[in-house]
Amino acid sequence: MSEGEAGGVGGFAVELPEPVVLPELPFPLRAYGPEGAWAYGDGALTGRAGARQDRFVPPLSESLEPASDAPRLLGAPEGDFRLHARVTVGFAAAFDAGVLCLEVAERQWAKLCLELSPDHPTICTVVTRGHSDDANSFQVAGDSYWLRISRTGRAFAFHASPDGENWTFVRVFTLGTAAEAASARVGFLTQSPRGEGCAVRFDGIAFSPGGLEDLRDGS
């Protein structure tokens, strides 16, 4: 990814070998889906989706297979945790997004997105159990916002924040069996369902062991 690409989400970075080890995370990551041009430098992870790449199984479709696939970089943390990052998206087309995501099985996965949906940057969520649901939470200003995934027991929670300190509750849910939830892969995704590609930058990446006692107190 070249410097200054797509709304400032580029910058100096080095392409990543596999497995990917980021200094902020206590577990390695592996690439899934199409080539994502994943790179890391200056404390930021960058990636790029290609044209019409998405990870979504339409609710009205008879098929359980997604129409497309999207680049993602995932690893499996142990125990309860909180993972957050500031996501900056080079919005160019409707539904371009930078995403924190989790997967527990082939057709059971979830996304927390900063998405152009379709005209305004919006915090959106998708939970897929065979087919995907799709929900918009609230619009935000600009192309950058903080996203967080947490696990407490077998429950996962999504939060979002303008500053990385004061968190708004977005969603709580379960996926799969207790054993599947305990071995979930979590990480980063970029998508461009209708566009020609989308560059995304993840910085301020932080991982903390332990879940959340109160999902709605802003912590």
Protein backbone atom coordinates (compact mmCIF):
# COMPACT_ATOMS: atom_id res chain seq x y z
CA MET A 1 0.00 0.00 0.00
CA SER A 2 1.48 3.31 -1.02
CA GLU A 3 1.90 6.35 1.16
CA GLY A 4 -1.12 8.65 1.25
CA GLU A 5 -3.45 6.12 -0.38
CA ALA A 6 -7.24 6.36 0.03
CA GLY A 7 -7.93 9.13 2.48
CA GLY A 8 -4.78 8.88 4.51
CA VAL A 9 -5.09 5.23 5.45
CA GLY A 10 -1.75 4.36 3.85
CA GLY A 11 1.74 5.04 5.12
CA PHE A 12 5.03 3.20 5.45
CA ALA A 13 4.40 -0.47 6.11
CA VAL A 14 6.09 -3.82 5.57
CA GLU A 15 4.27 -6.77 4.03
CA LEU A 16 3.57 -9.47 6.58
CA PRO A 17 4.76 -13.09 6.49
CA GLU A 18 2.66 -15.87 7.99
CA PRO A 19 1.95 -16.43 10.75
CA VAL A 20 1.57 -12.73 11.51
CA VAL A 21 2.81 -11.57 14.90
CA LEU A 22 1.83 -8.04 15.94
CA PRO A 23 3.53 -6.58 19.04
CA GLU A 24 0.14 -5.52 20.44
CA LEU A 25 -1.34 -9.04 20.42
CA PRO A 26 -0.40 -12.13 22.48
CA PHE A 27 -1.54 -14.52 19.73
CA PRO A 28 -0.51 -14.94 16.07
CA LEU A 29 -2.77 -14.05 13.12
CA ARG A 30 -3.32 -15.82 9.82
CA ALA A 31 -4.78 -14.52 6.58
CA TYR A 32 -8.12 -15.86 5.33
CA GLY A 33 -10.07 -15.11 2.17
CA PRO A 34 -8.67 -13.17 -0.81
CA GLU A 35 -5.30 -11.43 -0.77
CA GLY A 36 -5.57 -8.42 1.50
CA ALA A 37 -2.20 -6.68 0.97
CA TRP A 38 -1.81 -6.77 4.76
CA ALA A 39 1.12 -4.75 6.05
CA TYR A 40 2.31 -3.36 9.38
CA GLY A 41 4.41 -0.31 10.20
CA ASP A 42 4.52 2.72 12.49
CA GLY A 43 2.11 0.97 14.89
CA ALA A 44 -0.59 0.50 12.25
CA LEU A 45 -1.99 -2.48 10.38
CA THR A 46 -3.20 -1.77 6.85
CA GLY A 47 -5.15 -3.88 4.41
CA ARG A 48 -7.12 -3.58 1.21
CA ALA A 49 -10.21 -5.33 -0.17
CA GLY A 50 -10.50 -5.81 -3.90
CA ALA A 51 -13.48 -4.98 -6.08
CA ARG A 52 -16.82 -6.45 -4.94
CA GLN A 53 -15.28 -8.29 -2.00
CA ASP A 54 -17.60 -8.84 0.96
CA ARG A 55 -18.35 -11.47 3.60
CA PHE A 56 -22.13 -11.71 3.80
CA VAL A 57 -24.78 -14.40 3.23
CA PRO A 58 -27.97 -12.59 2.10
CA PRO A 59 -30.97 -13.43 4.31
CA LEU A 60 -33.20 -13.98 1.27
CA SER A 61 -30.75 -16.31 -0.45
CA GLU A 62 -31.44 -20.04 -0.49
CA SER A 63 -27.72 -20.69 -0.47
CA LEU A 64 -25.61 -20.70 2.67
CA GLU A 65 -22.52 -19.66 0.73
CA PRO A 66 -21.52 -15.97 0.63
CA ALA A 67 -21.68 -14.42 -2.82
CA SER A 68 -18.13 -13.15 -2.31
CA ASP A 69 -15.42 -13.21 0.31
CA ALA A 70 -13.30 -10.55 1.98
CA PRO A 71 -9.71 -10.37 3.24
CA ARG A 72 -9.36 -10.99 6.95
CA LEU A 73 -6.53 -11.48 9.41
CA LEU A 74 -7.55 -13.62 12.40
CA GLY A 75 -6.15 -15.34 15.47
CA ALA A 76 -7.47 -17.21 18.51
CA PRO A 77 -7.01 -15.56 21.93
CA GLU A 78 -7.40 -17.59 25.09
CA GLY A 79 -10.01 -16.81 27.75
CA ASP A 80 -12.08 -13.67 28.15
CA PHE A 81 -10.66 -10.63 26.39
CA ARG A 82 -11.13 -7.14 24.95
CA LEU A 83 -9.66 -6.20 21.57
CA HIS A 84 -9.96 -2.67 20.22
CA ALA A 85 -8.52 -0.51 17.46
CA ARG A 86 -9.10 2.80 15.75
CA VAL A 87 -10.38 2.07 12.25
CA THR A 88 -9.86 4.51 9.39
CA VAL A 89 -11.54 3.74 6.08
CA GLY A 90 -10.79 5.11 2.61
CA PHE A 91 -14.46 5.35 1.70
CA ALA A 92 -15.09 5.36 -2.06
CA ALA A 93 -18.32 3.39 -2.60
CA ALA A 94 -21.43 2.32 -0.71
CA PHE A 95 -20.77 -0.31 1.98
CA ASP A 96 -17.00 0.07 1.96
CA ALA A 97 -15.96 -0.79 5.51
CA GLY A 98 -13.23 -1.47 8.00
CA VAL A 99 -14.20 -4.25 10.38
CA LEU A 100 -13.36 -6.06 13.59
CA CYS A 101 -14.66 -9.58 13.16
CA LEU A 102 -14.91 -12.97 14.81
CA GLU A 103 -15.53 -16.49 13.53
CA VAL A 104 -16.52 -19.59 15.49
CA ALA A 105 -17.39 -21.96 12.61
CA GLU A 106 -17.64 -22.07 8.82
CA ARG A 107 -21.08 -20.43 8.73
CA GLN A 108 -21.09 -18.73 12.11
CA TRP A 109 -19.30 -15.39 12.28
CA ALA A 110 -19.90 -11.72 13.11
CA LYS A 111 -18.70 -8.27 12.03
CA LEU A 112 -18.52 -4.87 13.72
CA CYS A 113 -18.12 -2.33 10.92
CA LEU A 114 -17.33 1.30 10.27
CA GLU A 115 -19.23 1.36 6.99
CA LEU A 116 -20.44 3.82 4.37
CA SER A 117 -24.06 2.72 4.69
CA PRO A 118 -24.83 3.78 2.02
CA ASP A 119 -24.21 7.55 2.12
CA HIS A 120 -23.01 8.22 5.68
CA PRO A 121 -20.29 6.60 7.82
CA THR A 122 -22.20 4.29 10.17
CA ILE A 123 -21.53 1.76 12.90
CA CYS A 124 -23.07 -1.48 11.59
CA THR A 125 -23.18 -5.08 12.77
CA VAL A 126 -23.70 -8.42 11.09
CA VAL A 127 -24.19 -11.77 12.84
CA THR A 128 -24.24 -14.84 10.60
CA ARG A 129 -25.85 -18.09 11.66
CA GLY A 130 -26.09 -19.80 8.29
CA HIS A 131 -27.50 -16.59 6.81
CA SER A 132 -26.48 -13.07 7.83
CA ASP A 133 -28.54 -10.44 9.58
CA ASP A 134 -27.68 -6.76 9.10
CA ALA A 135 -28.25 -3.83 11.47
CA ASN A 136 -27.25 -0.16 11.48
CA SER A 137 -26.58 1.28 14.93
CA PHE A 138 -25.69 4.98 14.53
CA GLN A 139 -24.04 7.39 12.11
CA VAL A 140 -20.66 8.96 12.88
CA ALA A 141 -18.71 11.93 11.57
CA GLY A 142 -15.65 11.35 9.44
CA ASP A 143 -13.78 8.27 8.26
CA SER A 144 -12.31 7.13 11.59
CA TYR A 145 -13.80 5.55 14.75
CA TRP A 146 -12.80 3.14 17.51
CA LEU A 147 -14.24 -0.39 17.54
CA ARG A 148 -14.05 -3.10 20.22
CA ILE A 149 -14.84 -6.81 20.45
CA SER A 150 -14.97 -8.54 23.83
CA ARG A 151 -15.68 -12.05 25.08
CA THR A 152 -17.08 -12.79 28.54
CA GLY A 153 -17.81 -16.48 29.01
CA ARG A 154 -19.56 -17.58 25.82
CA ALA A 155 -21.00 -14.11 25.12
CA PHE A 156 -19.47 -11.63 22.69
CA ALA A 157 -20.07 -7.87 22.81
CA PHE A 158 -19.53 -5.06 20.31
CA HIS A 159 -18.78 -1.48 21.40
CA ALA A 160 -17.78 1.69 19.53
CA SER A 161 -16.18 4.94 20.65
CA PRO A 162 -15.20 8.34 19.23
CA ASP A 163 -12.07 8.53 21.41
CA GLY A 164 -11.12 4.99 22.49
CA GLU A 165 -12.05 5.75 26.11
CA ASN A 166 -15.83 6.20 26.35
CA TRP A 167 -17.56 3.20 24.79
CA THR A 168 -21.11 2.93 23.46
CA PHE A 169 -22.73 -0.48 23.72
CA VAL A 170 -23.75 -1.78 20.28
CA ARG A 171 -24.65 -5.46 20.60
CA VAL A 172 -24.28 -8.63 22.71
CA PHE A 173 -24.83 -12.15 21.37
CA THR A 174 -23.67 -15.76 21.42
CA LEU A 175 -22.39 -17.85 18.54
CA GLY A 176 -21.96 -21.59 18.33
CA THR A 177 -21.44 -23.96 21.21
CA ALA A 178 -19.55 -23.01 24.35
CA ALA A 179 -16.50 -24.88 23.02
CA GLU A 180 -16.70 -23.09 19.65
CA ALA A 181 -17.04 -19.71 21.35
CA ALA A 182 -13.99 -20.44 23.49
CA SER A 183 -11.87 -21.11 20.40
CA ALA A 184 -13.19 -18.23 18.27
CA ARG A 185 -10.86 -16.48 15.85
CA VAL A 186 -10.92 -12.69 16.05
CA GLY A 187 -9.26 -9.91 14.11
CA PHE A 188 -9.52 -7.58 11.16
CA LEU A 189 -11.40 -7.43 7.85
CA THR A 190 -11.79 -5.02 4.96
CA GLN A 191 -14.61 -5.04 2.39
CA SER A 192 -15.86 -3.29 -0.74
CA PRO A 193 -19.14 -4.99 -1.79
CA ARG A 194 -20.06 -2.53 -4.54
CA GLY A 195 -16.83 -0.65 -5.11
CA GLU A 196 -13.53 -1.11 -6.86
CA GLY A 197 -11.64 -1.67 -3.61
CA CYS A 198 -11.24 -0.23 -0.13
CA ALA A 199 -8.11 0.55 1.90
CA VAL A 200 -8.34 0.38 5.70
CA ARG A 201 -5.97 1.33 8.52
CA PHE A 202 -6.12 -0.11 12.06
CA ASP A 203 -4.06 1.72 14.66
CA GLY A 204 -4.19 2.08 18.43
CA ILE A 205 -4.54 -1.70 18.51
CA ALA A 206 -4.80 -2.98 22.08
CA PHE A 207 -5.61 -6.31 23.68
CA SER A 208 -6.57 -6.84 27.33
CA PRO A 209 -7.34 -10.10 29.11
CA GLY A 210 -10.65 -10.30 30.95
CA GLY A 211 -14.20 -9.57 29.92
CA LEU A 212 -16.61 -6.77 30.82
CA GLU A 213 -18.60 -6.60 34.03
CA ASP A 214 -21.07 -4.00 32.74
CA LEU A 215 -21.73 -3.65 29.02
CA ARG A 216 -23.51 -0.31 29.34
CA ASP A 217 -21.45 1.79 31.74
CA GLY A 218 -19.17 3.27 29.08
CA SER A 219 -16.01 1.52 30.25
